[in-house]
N, C-alpha and C. Protein backbone atom coordinates (compact mmCIF):
# COMPACT_ATOMS: atom_id res chain seq x y z
N MET A 1 0.90 -1.24 0.14
CA MET A 1 0.04 -0.05 -0.02
C MET A 1 0.79 1.27 0.02
N ILE A 2 1.99 1.31 0.81
CA ILE A 2 2.96 2.34 0.91
C ILE A 2 3.58 2.81 -0.67
N ARG A 3 3.59 1.89 -1.45
CA ARG A 3 4.27 2.09 -2.63
C ARG A 3 3.51 3.05 -3.59
N HIS A 4 2.12 2.94 -3.18
CA HIS A 4 1.23 3.88 -4.02
C HIS A 4 1.22 5.34 -3.62
N VAL A 5 1.68 5.51 -2.31
CA VAL A 5 1.71 6.90 -1.84
C VAL A 5 2.35 7.99 -2.86
N PRO A 6 3.51 7.91 -3.24
CA PRO A 6 4.18 8.70 -4.18
C PRO A 6 3.15 8.99 -5.52
N ASN A 7 2.67 8.03 -6.10
CA ASN A 7 1.73 8.09 -7.21
C ASN A 7 0.63 8.91 -6.73
N ALA A 8 -0.14 8.61 -5.66
CA ALA A 8 -1.18 9.40 -5.19
C ALA A 8 -1.08 10.80 -5.08
N LEU A 9 0.28 11.06 -4.63
CA LEU A 9 0.47 12.50 -4.31
C LEU A 9 0.80 13.15 -5.87
N THR A 10 1.35 12.52 -6.65
CA THR A 10 1.44 13.12 -8.03
C THR A 10 0.00 13.21 -8.62
N GLY A 11 -0.85 12.09 -8.60
CA GLY A 11 -2.14 12.35 -9.18
C GLY A 11 -2.87 13.50 -8.38
N GLY A 12 -2.64 13.61 -7.16
CA GLY A 12 -3.38 14.75 -6.37
C GLY A 12 -2.90 15.95 -6.88
N ARG A 13 -1.55 16.14 -7.28
CA ARG A 13 -0.98 17.44 -7.76
C ARG A 13 -1.71 17.69 -9.01
N LEU A 14 -2.09 16.78 -9.99
CA LEU A 14 -2.81 17.00 -11.09
C LEU A 14 -4.15 17.50 -10.91
N VAL A 15 -4.86 17.16 -9.71
CA VAL A 15 -6.21 17.62 -9.43
C VAL A 15 -6.07 18.96 -8.97
N LEU A 16 -4.96 19.41 -8.08
CA LEU A 16 -4.78 20.72 -7.73
C LEU A 16 -4.40 21.74 -8.94
N ALA A 17 -3.71 21.22 -9.74
CA ALA A 17 -3.50 21.97 -11.06
C ALA A 17 -4.83 22.27 -11.64
N ALA A 18 -5.82 21.53 -11.74
CA ALA A 18 -7.03 21.80 -12.38
C ALA A 18 -7.85 22.77 -11.52
N VAL A 19 -7.92 22.59 -10.15
CA VAL A 19 -8.42 23.68 -9.30
C VAL A 19 -7.91 24.97 -9.32
N PHE A 20 -6.61 24.97 -9.51
CA PHE A 20 -5.71 26.39 -9.59
C PHE A 20 -6.10 27.01 -10.84
N PHE A 21 -6.42 26.17 -11.93
CA PHE A 21 -6.70 26.85 -13.30
C PHE A 21 -8.16 27.51 -13.25
N VAL A 22 -9.02 26.60 -12.71
CA VAL A 22 -10.38 27.15 -12.51
C VAL A 22 -10.47 28.53 -11.68
N LEU A 23 -9.72 28.56 -10.64
CA LEU A 23 -9.68 29.80 -9.93
C LEU A 23 -9.21 31.09 -10.71
N LEU A 24 -8.00 30.78 -11.41
CA LEU A 24 -7.63 31.82 -12.42
C LEU A 24 -8.64 32.11 -13.55
N SER A 25 -9.47 31.08 -13.98
CA SER A 25 -10.29 31.34 -15.00
C SER A 25 -11.50 32.42 -14.64
N PHE A 26 -11.87 32.05 -13.24
CA PHE A 26 -12.85 32.95 -12.57
C PHE A 26 -12.36 34.22 -12.64
N TYR A 27 -11.18 34.38 -12.02
CA TYR A 27 -10.54 35.71 -11.80
C TYR A 27 -10.69 36.52 -13.08
N GLN A 28 -10.94 37.92 -13.00
CA GLN A 28 -10.77 38.88 -14.24
C GLN A 28 -10.40 40.35 -13.50
N HIS A 29 -9.16 40.58 -13.89
CA HIS A 29 -8.65 41.73 -13.28
C HIS A 29 -9.67 43.21 -13.77
N ASP A 30 -9.86 43.99 -12.68
CA ASP A 30 -10.86 45.07 -12.99
C ASP A 30 -12.16 44.51 -13.38
N GLY A 31 -12.62 43.47 -12.92
CA GLY A 31 -13.94 42.78 -13.30
C GLY A 31 -14.26 41.87 -12.02
N ARG A 32 -14.22 40.64 -12.41
CA ARG A 32 -14.53 39.56 -11.30
C ARG A 32 -13.12 39.38 -10.37
N GLY A 33 -12.55 40.52 -9.87
CA GLY A 33 -11.31 40.41 -9.43
C GLY A 33 -11.29 40.31 -7.74
N ASP A 34 -12.20 39.32 -7.43
CA ASP A 34 -12.33 39.12 -5.97
C ASP A 34 -11.03 38.57 -5.40
N PRO A 35 -10.42 39.26 -4.20
CA PRO A 35 -9.11 38.89 -3.91
C PRO A 35 -9.04 37.20 -3.43
N TRP A 36 -10.19 36.65 -2.85
CA TRP A 36 -10.12 35.17 -2.48
C TRP A 36 -9.74 34.41 -3.50
N LEU A 37 -10.06 34.80 -4.94
CA LEU A 37 -9.57 33.68 -5.91
C LEU A 37 -8.03 33.65 -5.97
N LEU A 38 -7.33 34.63 -5.97
CA LEU A 38 -6.02 34.59 -6.02
C LEU A 38 -5.35 34.28 -4.71
N ASN A 39 -5.87 34.46 -3.63
CA ASN A 39 -5.57 34.00 -2.25
C ASN A 39 -5.58 32.52 -2.43
N THR A 40 -6.74 31.92 -2.80
CA THR A 40 -6.82 30.38 -2.62
C THR A 40 -5.95 29.88 -3.73
N ALA A 41 -5.92 30.45 -4.92
CA ALA A 41 -4.84 29.96 -5.95
C ALA A 41 -3.38 29.82 -5.36
N PHE A 42 -2.92 30.77 -4.71
CA PHE A 42 -1.63 30.91 -3.95
C PHE A 42 -1.36 29.75 -3.18
N ILE A 43 -2.29 29.56 -2.24
CA ILE A 43 -2.18 28.44 -1.30
C ILE A 43 -2.30 27.26 -2.03
N ILE A 44 -3.08 26.95 -3.03
CA ILE A 44 -3.19 25.58 -3.82
C ILE A 44 -1.76 25.42 -4.39
N TYR A 45 -1.29 26.61 -4.83
CA TYR A 45 -0.01 26.52 -5.85
C TYR A 45 1.31 25.88 -4.76
N VAL A 46 1.28 26.49 -3.48
CA VAL A 46 2.13 26.11 -2.57
C VAL A 46 1.98 24.65 -2.15
N ILE A 47 0.82 24.23 -1.89
CA ILE A 47 0.67 22.88 -1.76
C ILE A 47 0.94 22.01 -2.75
N ALA A 48 0.82 22.29 -4.17
CA ALA A 48 1.29 21.66 -5.25
C ALA A 48 2.72 21.45 -5.37
N LEU A 49 3.58 22.48 -4.85
CA LEU A 49 5.01 22.57 -4.75
C LEU A 49 5.49 21.68 -3.71
N ILE A 50 4.78 21.64 -2.54
CA ILE A 50 5.12 20.71 -1.39
C ILE A 50 4.93 19.00 -1.77
N THR A 51 3.88 18.91 -2.39
CA THR A 51 3.52 17.55 -2.86
C THR A 51 4.63 17.10 -3.99
N ASP A 52 4.94 18.16 -4.67
CA ASP A 52 6.07 17.96 -5.86
C ASP A 52 7.23 17.42 -5.22
N PHE A 53 7.71 17.96 -4.05
CA PHE A 53 8.87 17.57 -3.39
C PHE A 53 8.69 16.23 -2.57
N LEU A 54 7.67 16.04 -2.10
CA LEU A 54 7.15 14.83 -1.18
C LEU A 54 7.15 13.50 -2.11
N ASP A 55 6.43 13.65 -3.24
CA ASP A 55 6.40 12.40 -4.13
C ASP A 55 7.55 11.90 -4.53
N GLY A 56 8.66 12.85 -5.06
CA GLY A 56 9.88 12.49 -5.52
C GLY A 56 10.81 12.02 -4.29
N TYR A 57 10.58 12.69 -2.99
CA TYR A 57 11.44 12.20 -1.93
C TYR A 57 10.88 10.89 -1.51
N LEU A 58 9.69 10.62 -1.39
CA LEU A 58 9.33 9.39 -0.73
C LEU A 58 9.59 8.17 -1.74
N ALA A 59 9.33 8.43 -3.00
CA ALA A 59 9.60 7.43 -3.89
C ALA A 59 11.13 6.90 -3.82
N ARG A 60 12.03 7.80 -3.73
CA ARG A 60 13.49 7.46 -3.55
C ARG A 60 13.56 6.80 -2.23
N ARG A 61 13.18 7.30 -1.21
CA ARG A 61 13.35 6.82 0.21
C ARG A 61 12.75 5.52 0.24
N TRP A 62 11.56 5.10 -0.27
CA TRP A 62 11.06 3.85 -0.06
C TRP A 62 11.34 2.81 -1.23
N LYS A 63 12.17 3.52 -2.20
CA LYS A 63 12.50 2.72 -3.33
C LYS A 63 11.49 2.18 -4.07
N VAL A 64 10.48 2.93 -4.62
CA VAL A 64 9.25 2.52 -5.17
C VAL A 64 9.19 3.63 -6.64
N GLU A 65 10.35 3.94 -6.93
CA GLU A 65 10.21 4.61 -8.33
C GLU A 65 9.71 3.90 -9.37
N GLY A 66 8.68 4.42 -10.16
CA GLY A 66 8.20 3.43 -11.27
C GLY A 66 7.89 4.44 -12.57
N ALA A 67 7.43 3.84 -13.50
CA ALA A 67 7.34 4.48 -14.78
C ALA A 67 6.21 5.56 -14.69
N PHE A 68 5.19 5.38 -13.79
CA PHE A 68 4.13 6.43 -13.70
C PHE A 68 4.70 7.73 -13.25
N GLY A 69 5.48 7.59 -12.21
CA GLY A 69 6.05 8.67 -11.64
C GLY A 69 6.99 9.44 -12.48
N ARG A 70 7.96 8.72 -13.24
CA ARG A 70 8.85 9.26 -14.30
C ARG A 70 8.19 10.01 -15.39
N VAL A 71 6.98 9.47 -15.92
CA VAL A 71 6.32 10.25 -16.90
C VAL A 71 5.44 11.25 -16.41
N VAL A 72 4.54 11.01 -15.43
CA VAL A 72 3.47 11.97 -14.99
C VAL A 72 3.95 13.03 -14.15
N ASP A 73 4.85 12.72 -13.31
CA ASP A 73 5.45 13.98 -12.40
C ASP A 73 5.86 15.16 -13.27
N PRO A 74 6.98 14.84 -14.23
CA PRO A 74 7.27 16.04 -15.03
C PRO A 74 6.15 16.59 -15.86
N LEU A 75 5.19 15.84 -16.24
CA LEU A 75 4.07 16.23 -17.12
C LEU A 75 3.21 17.19 -16.15
N VAL A 76 2.95 17.01 -15.09
CA VAL A 76 2.21 17.76 -13.90
C VAL A 76 3.04 18.98 -13.90
N ASP A 77 4.39 18.92 -13.69
CA ASP A 77 5.10 20.21 -13.52
C ASP A 77 5.00 21.37 -14.80
N LYS A 78 5.06 20.53 -15.88
CA LYS A 78 4.92 21.39 -17.13
C LYS A 78 3.60 22.13 -17.21
N VAL A 79 2.54 21.21 -16.87
CA VAL A 79 1.17 21.70 -17.07
C VAL A 79 0.90 22.90 -15.98
N LEU A 80 1.44 22.62 -14.78
CA LEU A 80 1.25 23.83 -13.88
C LEU A 80 1.99 25.09 -14.10
N VAL A 81 3.31 25.09 -14.68
CA VAL A 81 3.95 26.05 -15.01
C VAL A 81 3.54 26.74 -16.23
N LEU A 82 3.23 26.09 -17.25
CA LEU A 82 3.11 26.60 -18.59
C LEU A 82 1.58 27.14 -18.56
N GLY A 83 0.73 26.35 -17.78
CA GLY A 83 -0.57 27.00 -17.88
C GLY A 83 -0.77 28.18 -17.02
N SER A 84 -0.11 28.39 -16.07
CA SER A 84 -0.10 29.57 -15.24
C SER A 84 0.49 30.86 -15.96
N PHE A 85 1.65 30.57 -16.86
CA PHE A 85 2.01 31.81 -17.56
C PHE A 85 0.95 32.04 -18.75
N ILE A 86 0.44 30.75 -19.33
CA ILE A 86 -0.59 31.22 -20.37
C ILE A 86 -1.92 31.96 -19.78
N PHE A 87 -2.26 31.68 -18.61
CA PHE A 87 -3.45 32.44 -17.99
C PHE A 87 -2.75 33.91 -17.49
N PHE A 88 -1.63 33.96 -17.35
CA PHE A 88 -1.07 35.42 -16.76
C PHE A 88 -0.97 36.18 -17.99
N ALA A 89 -0.70 35.56 -19.19
CA ALA A 89 -0.77 36.41 -20.46
C ALA A 89 -2.05 36.59 -21.26
N GLY A 90 -3.08 36.02 -20.64
CA GLY A 90 -4.25 36.14 -21.30
C GLY A 90 -5.39 37.21 -20.89
N LYS A 91 -6.65 37.05 -21.31
CA LYS A 91 -7.53 38.23 -21.23
C LYS A 91 -7.80 38.43 -19.81
N ASN A 92 -7.88 37.59 -18.88
CA ASN A 92 -8.25 37.74 -17.62
C ASN A 92 -7.36 38.77 -16.69
N PHE A 93 -6.11 38.81 -17.21
CA PHE A 93 -5.23 39.56 -16.57
C PHE A 93 -4.77 41.01 -17.43
N ILE A 94 -5.66 41.16 -18.36
CA ILE A 94 -5.20 42.43 -19.29
C ILE A 94 -5.80 43.63 -18.66
N VAL A 95 -5.16 44.90 -18.63
CA VAL A 95 -5.65 46.06 -18.25
C VAL A 95 -5.38 46.94 -19.55
N ALA A 96 -6.16 47.91 -19.83
CA ALA A 96 -6.16 48.93 -20.84
C ALA A 96 -5.88 50.03 -20.32
N GLU A 97 -4.75 50.97 -20.68
CA GLU A 97 -4.42 52.35 -20.16
C GLU A 97 -4.45 53.14 -21.48
N THR A 98 -4.72 54.42 -21.31
CA THR A 98 -5.11 55.41 -22.11
C THR A 98 -3.70 56.21 -22.27
N ALA A 99 -2.90 56.15 -23.36
CA ALA A 99 -1.52 56.91 -23.35
C ALA A 99 -1.89 58.00 -24.38
N ARG A 100 -1.31 59.14 -24.20
CA ARG A 100 -1.37 60.31 -25.05
C ARG A 100 -0.38 60.19 -26.18
N ALA A 101 -0.92 60.15 -27.33
CA ALA A 101 -0.12 60.18 -28.42
C ALA A 101 0.28 61.58 -28.75
N MET A 102 1.40 61.48 -29.87
CA MET A 102 2.14 62.81 -30.17
C MET A 102 1.05 63.64 -30.93
N SER A 103 0.13 63.18 -31.73
CA SER A 103 -0.91 63.58 -32.37
C SER A 103 -2.15 63.83 -31.46
N PRO A 104 -3.04 64.69 -31.86
CA PRO A 104 -4.33 64.88 -31.03
C PRO A 104 -5.18 63.71 -30.83
N GLY A 105 -5.77 63.45 -29.54
CA GLY A 105 -6.32 62.33 -29.25
C GLY A 105 -5.58 61.44 -28.42
N SER A 106 -6.08 60.21 -28.35
CA SER A 106 -5.50 59.17 -27.56
C SER A 106 -5.69 57.86 -28.05
N GLN A 107 -4.90 56.92 -27.43
CA GLN A 107 -4.96 55.49 -27.97
C GLN A 107 -5.01 54.69 -26.67
N ASP A 108 -5.51 53.45 -26.84
CA ASP A 108 -5.47 52.41 -25.75
C ASP A 108 -4.25 51.72 -25.87
N VAL A 109 -3.51 51.65 -24.66
CA VAL A 109 -2.24 50.68 -24.62
C VAL A 109 -2.70 49.48 -23.85
N VAL A 110 -2.76 48.33 -24.23
CA VAL A 110 -3.18 47.19 -23.75
C VAL A 110 -1.86 46.14 -23.22
N LYS A 111 -1.96 45.88 -21.87
CA LYS A 111 -0.89 45.16 -21.39
C LYS A 111 -1.41 44.15 -20.32
N THR A 112 -0.64 43.27 -19.70
CA THR A 112 -1.07 42.50 -18.71
C THR A 112 -0.64 43.09 -17.26
N VAL A 113 -1.51 42.98 -16.32
CA VAL A 113 -1.08 43.39 -14.92
C VAL A 113 0.00 42.36 -14.49
N SER A 114 -0.07 41.27 -14.95
CA SER A 114 1.06 40.33 -14.41
C SER A 114 2.31 40.56 -14.98
N GLY A 115 2.44 41.22 -16.00
CA GLY A 115 3.70 41.55 -16.67
C GLY A 115 4.32 40.42 -17.55
N VAL A 116 3.33 39.58 -17.82
CA VAL A 116 3.66 38.39 -18.72
C VAL A 116 3.09 38.79 -20.11
N ALA A 117 3.93 38.73 -21.21
CA ALA A 117 3.53 39.02 -22.61
C ALA A 117 3.41 37.62 -23.18
N PRO A 118 2.65 37.42 -24.21
CA PRO A 118 2.39 36.21 -25.11
C PRO A 118 3.72 35.72 -25.52
N GLY A 119 4.80 36.66 -25.99
CA GLY A 119 5.99 36.05 -26.39
C GLY A 119 6.77 35.17 -25.43
N ILE A 120 6.60 35.60 -24.04
CA ILE A 120 7.32 35.04 -23.22
C ILE A 120 6.77 33.41 -23.03
N VAL A 121 5.36 33.38 -23.11
CA VAL A 121 4.91 32.01 -23.21
C VAL A 121 5.33 31.24 -24.25
N VAL A 122 5.41 31.69 -25.41
CA VAL A 122 5.94 31.01 -26.60
C VAL A 122 7.28 30.35 -26.40
N LEU A 123 8.15 31.31 -25.73
CA LEU A 123 9.51 30.84 -25.34
C LEU A 123 9.68 29.88 -24.43
N LEU A 124 8.70 29.76 -23.42
CA LEU A 124 8.63 28.84 -22.50
C LEU A 124 8.26 27.60 -23.00
N LEU A 125 7.17 27.66 -23.79
CA LEU A 125 6.63 26.26 -24.49
C LEU A 125 7.54 25.65 -25.44
N THR A 126 8.14 26.49 -26.24
CA THR A 126 9.24 26.09 -27.14
C THR A 126 10.33 25.37 -26.46
N ARG A 127 10.84 25.74 -25.34
CA ARG A 127 11.87 25.24 -24.69
C ARG A 127 11.16 23.75 -24.13
N GLU A 128 10.28 23.57 -23.61
CA GLU A 128 9.73 22.39 -23.22
C GLU A 128 9.48 21.34 -24.33
N LEU A 129 9.00 21.91 -25.42
CA LEU A 129 8.77 21.04 -26.66
C LEU A 129 10.24 20.51 -27.20
N LEU A 130 11.00 21.39 -27.23
CA LEU A 130 12.41 20.92 -27.61
C LEU A 130 13.21 20.01 -26.87
N VAL A 131 13.03 20.19 -25.45
CA VAL A 131 13.72 19.38 -24.61
C VAL A 131 12.94 17.94 -24.64
N THR A 132 11.79 17.91 -24.73
CA THR A 132 10.94 16.63 -24.82
C THR A 132 11.21 15.98 -26.09
N SER A 133 11.51 16.58 -27.23
CA SER A 133 11.82 15.92 -28.24
C SER A 133 13.05 15.49 -28.34
N LEU A 134 13.96 16.19 -27.73
CA LEU A 134 15.59 15.59 -27.52
C LEU A 134 15.48 14.31 -26.77
N ARG A 135 14.69 14.45 -25.75
CA ARG A 135 14.71 13.32 -24.76
C ARG A 135 14.17 12.08 -25.53
N GLY A 136 13.18 12.27 -26.30
CA GLY A 136 12.34 11.17 -26.88
C GLY A 136 13.30 10.50 -27.94
N VAL A 137 14.12 11.34 -28.73
CA VAL A 137 15.03 10.73 -29.71
C VAL A 137 16.13 10.01 -29.04
N ALA A 138 16.73 10.54 -27.98
CA ALA A 138 17.82 9.92 -27.08
C ALA A 138 17.28 8.79 -26.58
N GLU A 139 16.40 8.60 -25.80
CA GLU A 139 15.84 7.55 -25.19
C GLU A 139 15.30 6.26 -26.17
N SER A 140 14.75 6.81 -27.46
CA SER A 140 14.43 5.68 -28.37
C SER A 140 15.54 5.02 -28.91
N GLY A 141 16.72 5.88 -28.96
CA GLY A 141 18.14 5.15 -29.41
C GLY A 141 18.82 4.44 -28.07
N GLY A 142 18.09 4.27 -27.12
CA GLY A 142 18.82 3.57 -25.84
C GLY A 142 19.69 4.08 -24.91
N GLN A 143 19.65 5.63 -25.03
CA GLN A 143 20.56 6.60 -24.31
C GLN A 143 19.65 7.22 -23.27
N ALA A 144 20.32 7.00 -22.06
CA ALA A 144 19.60 7.86 -20.83
C ALA A 144 19.77 9.27 -21.19
N PHE A 145 18.73 10.03 -20.90
CA PHE A 145 18.61 11.73 -21.10
C PHE A 145 17.82 12.10 -19.95
N GLY A 146 18.59 11.91 -18.76
CA GLY A 146 17.85 12.40 -17.40
C GLY A 146 18.03 13.93 -17.16
N ALA A 147 17.17 14.30 -16.32
CA ALA A 147 16.94 15.85 -15.97
C ALA A 147 18.35 16.15 -15.54
N ALA A 148 18.84 17.45 -15.97
CA ALA A 148 19.97 18.01 -15.38
C ALA A 148 19.49 18.94 -14.16
N PHE A 149 20.51 19.43 -13.39
CA PHE A 149 20.21 20.30 -12.11
C PHE A 149 19.59 21.52 -12.81
N ILE A 150 20.03 22.27 -13.87
CA ILE A 150 19.55 23.39 -14.27
C ILE A 150 18.03 23.25 -14.64
N GLY A 151 17.65 21.96 -15.17
CA GLY A 151 16.22 21.99 -15.45
C GLY A 151 15.21 21.79 -14.14
N LYS A 152 15.77 21.28 -12.94
CA LYS A 152 15.24 21.34 -11.86
C LYS A 152 15.17 22.79 -11.28
N PHE A 153 16.20 23.37 -11.39
CA PHE A 153 16.36 24.80 -10.79
C PHE A 153 15.42 25.74 -11.53
N LYS A 154 15.36 25.52 -12.86
CA LYS A 154 14.30 26.27 -13.59
C LYS A 154 12.90 26.03 -13.20
N MET A 155 12.47 24.86 -12.74
CA MET A 155 11.21 24.62 -12.37
C MET A 155 10.90 25.38 -11.11
N VAL A 156 12.02 25.30 -10.18
CA VAL A 156 11.85 26.04 -8.89
C VAL A 156 11.60 27.43 -9.06
N PHE A 157 12.56 28.12 -9.86
CA PHE A 157 12.49 29.47 -10.16
C PHE A 157 11.26 29.96 -10.84
N GLN A 158 10.69 29.14 -11.78
CA GLN A 158 9.51 29.50 -12.60
C GLN A 158 8.25 29.63 -11.53
N SER A 159 8.47 28.69 -10.50
CA SER A 159 7.28 28.47 -9.59
C SER A 159 7.32 29.68 -8.47
N GLY A 160 8.59 30.03 -8.37
CA GLY A 160 8.66 31.18 -7.54
C GLY A 160 8.18 32.53 -8.10
N THR A 161 8.57 32.71 -9.28
CA THR A 161 8.06 33.87 -10.12
C THR A 161 6.51 33.75 -10.23
N ILE A 162 5.95 32.66 -10.33
CA ILE A 162 4.30 32.57 -10.37
C ILE A 162 3.83 33.08 -8.99
N LEU A 163 4.44 32.65 -8.01
CA LEU A 163 3.93 33.02 -6.59
C LEU A 163 4.16 34.56 -6.41
N VAL A 164 5.18 35.13 -6.96
CA VAL A 164 5.51 36.54 -6.96
C VAL A 164 4.46 37.38 -7.73
N ILE A 165 4.15 36.98 -8.94
CA ILE A 165 3.08 37.54 -9.82
C ILE A 165 1.68 37.46 -9.06
N LEU A 166 1.40 36.31 -8.46
CA LEU A 166 0.03 36.30 -7.72
C LEU A 166 -0.03 37.09 -6.62
N ILE A 167 1.16 37.54 -5.91
CA ILE A 167 1.22 38.45 -4.80
C ILE A 167 1.23 39.77 -5.36
N TYR A 168 1.83 40.27 -6.30
CA TYR A 168 1.76 41.48 -6.99
C TYR A 168 0.37 41.88 -7.45
N VAL A 169 -0.17 41.14 -8.27
CA VAL A 169 -1.64 41.09 -8.80
C VAL A 169 -2.53 41.51 -7.82
N ASN A 170 -2.54 40.56 -6.63
CA ASN A 170 -3.66 40.65 -5.61
C ASN A 170 -3.37 41.74 -4.60
N TYR A 171 -2.15 42.03 -4.33
CA TYR A 171 -2.00 42.98 -3.22
C TYR A 171 -1.24 44.42 -3.48
N ILE A 172 -0.64 44.32 -4.70
CA ILE A 172 0.01 45.68 -4.82
C ILE A 172 -0.44 46.57 -6.19
N ALA A 173 -0.83 45.63 -7.13
CA ALA A 173 -1.06 46.48 -8.49
C ALA A 173 -1.85 47.71 -8.38
N HIS A 174 -3.13 47.41 -7.81
CA HIS A 174 -4.06 48.64 -7.51
C HIS A 174 -4.38 48.87 -6.16
N SER A 175 -3.28 48.72 -5.33
CA SER A 175 -3.47 49.13 -3.90
C SER A 175 -3.77 50.61 -3.66
N THR A 176 -4.70 50.93 -2.74
CA THR A 176 -4.92 52.45 -2.48
C THR A 176 -4.12 52.78 -1.28
N THR A 177 -3.31 51.90 -0.64
CA THR A 177 -2.64 52.38 0.59
C THR A 177 -1.20 52.39 0.46
N LEU A 178 -0.58 51.74 -0.59
CA LEU A 178 0.83 51.77 -0.86
C LEU A 178 1.15 52.98 -1.84
N SER A 179 2.29 53.36 -1.49
CA SER A 179 2.83 54.73 -2.31
C SER A 179 3.21 54.23 -3.57
N PRO A 180 3.11 55.45 -4.45
CA PRO A 180 3.59 55.05 -5.92
C PRO A 180 4.98 54.43 -6.04
N ASP A 181 6.02 54.93 -5.30
CA ASP A 181 7.16 54.44 -5.30
C ASP A 181 7.26 52.99 -4.71
N THR A 182 6.47 52.65 -3.81
CA THR A 182 6.62 51.16 -3.44
C THR A 182 5.89 50.17 -4.48
N LYS A 183 4.88 50.74 -5.15
CA LYS A 183 4.28 50.00 -6.10
C LYS A 183 5.24 49.90 -7.32
N TRP A 184 5.96 50.90 -7.64
CA TRP A 184 6.94 50.79 -8.69
C TRP A 184 8.07 49.80 -8.51
N ALA A 185 8.45 49.92 -7.29
CA ALA A 185 9.61 49.11 -6.85
C ALA A 185 9.19 47.59 -7.05
N ALA A 186 7.81 47.30 -6.45
CA ALA A 186 7.35 45.89 -6.54
C ALA A 186 7.14 45.42 -7.98
N ALA A 187 6.80 46.46 -9.00
CA ALA A 187 6.77 46.13 -10.34
C ALA A 187 7.94 45.86 -10.79
N VAL A 188 8.99 46.40 -10.25
CA VAL A 188 10.41 46.20 -10.86
C VAL A 188 10.99 44.75 -10.37
N VAL A 189 10.55 44.50 -9.00
CA VAL A 189 10.87 43.02 -8.75
C VAL A 189 10.03 42.06 -9.37
N ARG A 190 8.99 42.26 -9.58
CA ARG A 190 7.95 41.22 -10.63
C ARG A 190 8.90 41.25 -11.80
N ASP A 191 9.31 42.20 -12.56
CA ASP A 191 9.89 42.09 -13.94
C ASP A 191 11.12 41.44 -13.96
N ILE A 192 11.91 41.87 -12.80
CA ILE A 192 13.24 41.12 -12.83
C ILE A 192 12.88 39.54 -12.74
N CYS A 193 11.90 39.08 -11.77
CA CYS A 193 11.66 37.74 -11.60
C CYS A 193 11.36 36.98 -12.93
N ILE A 194 10.51 37.85 -13.60
CA ILE A 194 9.99 37.25 -15.03
C ILE A 194 11.06 37.02 -15.99
N TRP A 195 11.90 38.32 -16.06
CA TRP A 195 13.10 38.09 -17.19
C TRP A 195 14.01 37.13 -16.64
N ALA A 196 14.39 36.95 -15.33
CA ALA A 196 15.28 36.07 -15.03
C ALA A 196 14.78 34.57 -15.17
N THR A 197 13.50 34.33 -15.06
CA THR A 197 12.93 33.23 -15.45
C THR A 197 12.95 32.94 -16.95
N VAL A 198 12.94 33.90 -17.87
CA VAL A 198 13.14 33.70 -19.27
C VAL A 198 14.58 33.35 -19.45
N ALA A 199 15.58 34.09 -18.93
CA ALA A 199 17.07 33.93 -19.05
C ALA A 199 17.43 32.44 -18.70
N ILE A 200 16.84 31.98 -17.62
CA ILE A 200 17.30 30.63 -16.84
C ILE A 200 16.54 29.49 -17.84
N THR A 201 15.39 29.86 -18.48
CA THR A 201 14.73 28.93 -19.31
C THR A 201 15.55 28.75 -20.70
N VAL A 202 16.00 29.91 -21.23
CA VAL A 202 16.74 29.73 -22.49
C VAL A 202 18.25 28.97 -22.07
N TRP A 203 18.73 29.30 -20.83
CA TRP A 203 19.91 28.60 -20.54
C TRP A 203 19.87 27.21 -20.36
N SER A 204 18.69 26.83 -19.81
CA SER A 204 18.47 25.23 -19.51
C SER A 204 18.29 24.64 -20.83
N GLY A 205 17.59 25.43 -21.76
CA GLY A 205 17.36 24.69 -23.14
C GLY A 205 18.54 24.71 -23.85
N LEU A 206 19.48 25.41 -23.84
CA LEU A 206 20.71 25.50 -24.31
C LEU A 206 21.52 24.30 -23.89
N THR A 207 21.76 24.04 -22.51
CA THR A 207 22.17 22.99 -21.76
C THR A 207 21.81 21.78 -22.33
N TYR A 208 20.46 21.61 -22.44
CA TYR A 208 20.06 20.33 -22.90
C TYR A 208 20.32 20.15 -24.42
N VAL A 209 20.41 21.18 -25.28
CA VAL A 209 20.75 21.11 -26.68
C VAL A 209 22.32 20.54 -26.67
N GLY A 210 23.19 21.11 -25.76
CA GLY A 210 24.47 20.76 -25.76
C GLY A 210 24.68 19.40 -25.37
N LYS A 211 23.93 18.91 -24.52
CA LYS A 211 24.08 17.49 -23.97
C LYS A 211 23.62 16.65 -25.04
N ALA A 212 22.50 17.07 -25.90
CA ALA A 212 22.17 16.08 -26.94
C ALA A 212 23.23 16.19 -27.98
N VAL A 213 23.86 17.21 -28.43
CA VAL A 213 24.93 17.23 -29.55
C VAL A 213 25.88 16.47 -28.95
N SER A 214 26.54 16.50 -27.71
CA SER A 214 27.51 15.56 -27.14
C SER A 214 27.06 14.02 -27.35
N MET A 215 25.96 13.75 -27.18
CA MET A 215 25.42 12.37 -27.07
C MET A 215 25.58 11.75 -28.53
N TYR A 216 25.11 12.68 -29.53
CA TYR A 216 25.09 12.36 -30.84
C TYR A 216 26.58 12.25 -31.39
N ARG A 217 27.44 13.06 -31.02
CA ARG A 217 28.85 12.99 -31.46
C ARG A 217 29.41 11.65 -30.91
N ARG A 218 29.15 11.40 -29.61
CA ARG A 218 29.57 10.05 -29.12
C ARG A 218 29.05 8.67 -29.82
N GLY A 219 27.81 8.98 -30.35
CA GLY A 219 27.25 7.92 -30.95
C GLY A 219 27.71 7.64 -32.27
N ASN A 220 28.36 8.72 -32.69
CA ASN A 220 28.98 8.64 -34.21
C ASN A 220 30.59 8.45 -34.30
N THR A 221 31.08 8.18 -33.31
CA THR A 221 32.62 8.09 -33.11
C THR A 221 32.88 6.60 -32.89
């Protein structure tokens, strides 16, 4: 019975991911922006992170690692991270600001309060598809293509950025009690986390590409 606990935690994390996305889908900035939606989403994401640590730790400790965990665990991680960034770049987090143009009149400048642009989501998704493809090719040829440290670090940093964005949107973006300087500083921290996430994602992708190239060269020597 004990051998099924890690798999149950992994499956439970997939359920948590579904609930997390439901909460984000009901949230609408400057609309259905009830704070409890993002508060609950924050708590659920933290619980998901804890179960992510526990399932791997328990599987190794009890020596019950299996195919289910090796396949589903990273899949759930990708669903949580990519799904979060997709929502952050979507319509529920869009704000429209009016900017004065050089010519008479004005124009609407549309951006996301989360600070996440669609291009960032494309980059994150491209990295995951590329690494998954490289792993598939390598393992189909009988070569192990395990996760590197940078890949695990990327996941941790991405999750931290997601939590930072949730805090910023829910408590800082349109706070009436914080000073403009404080809100500006918080936005800078949010943007630093986002762009650091992009840099780490690119770095990890290039690391896996280098690993695949090295494996290919060894296989042809």
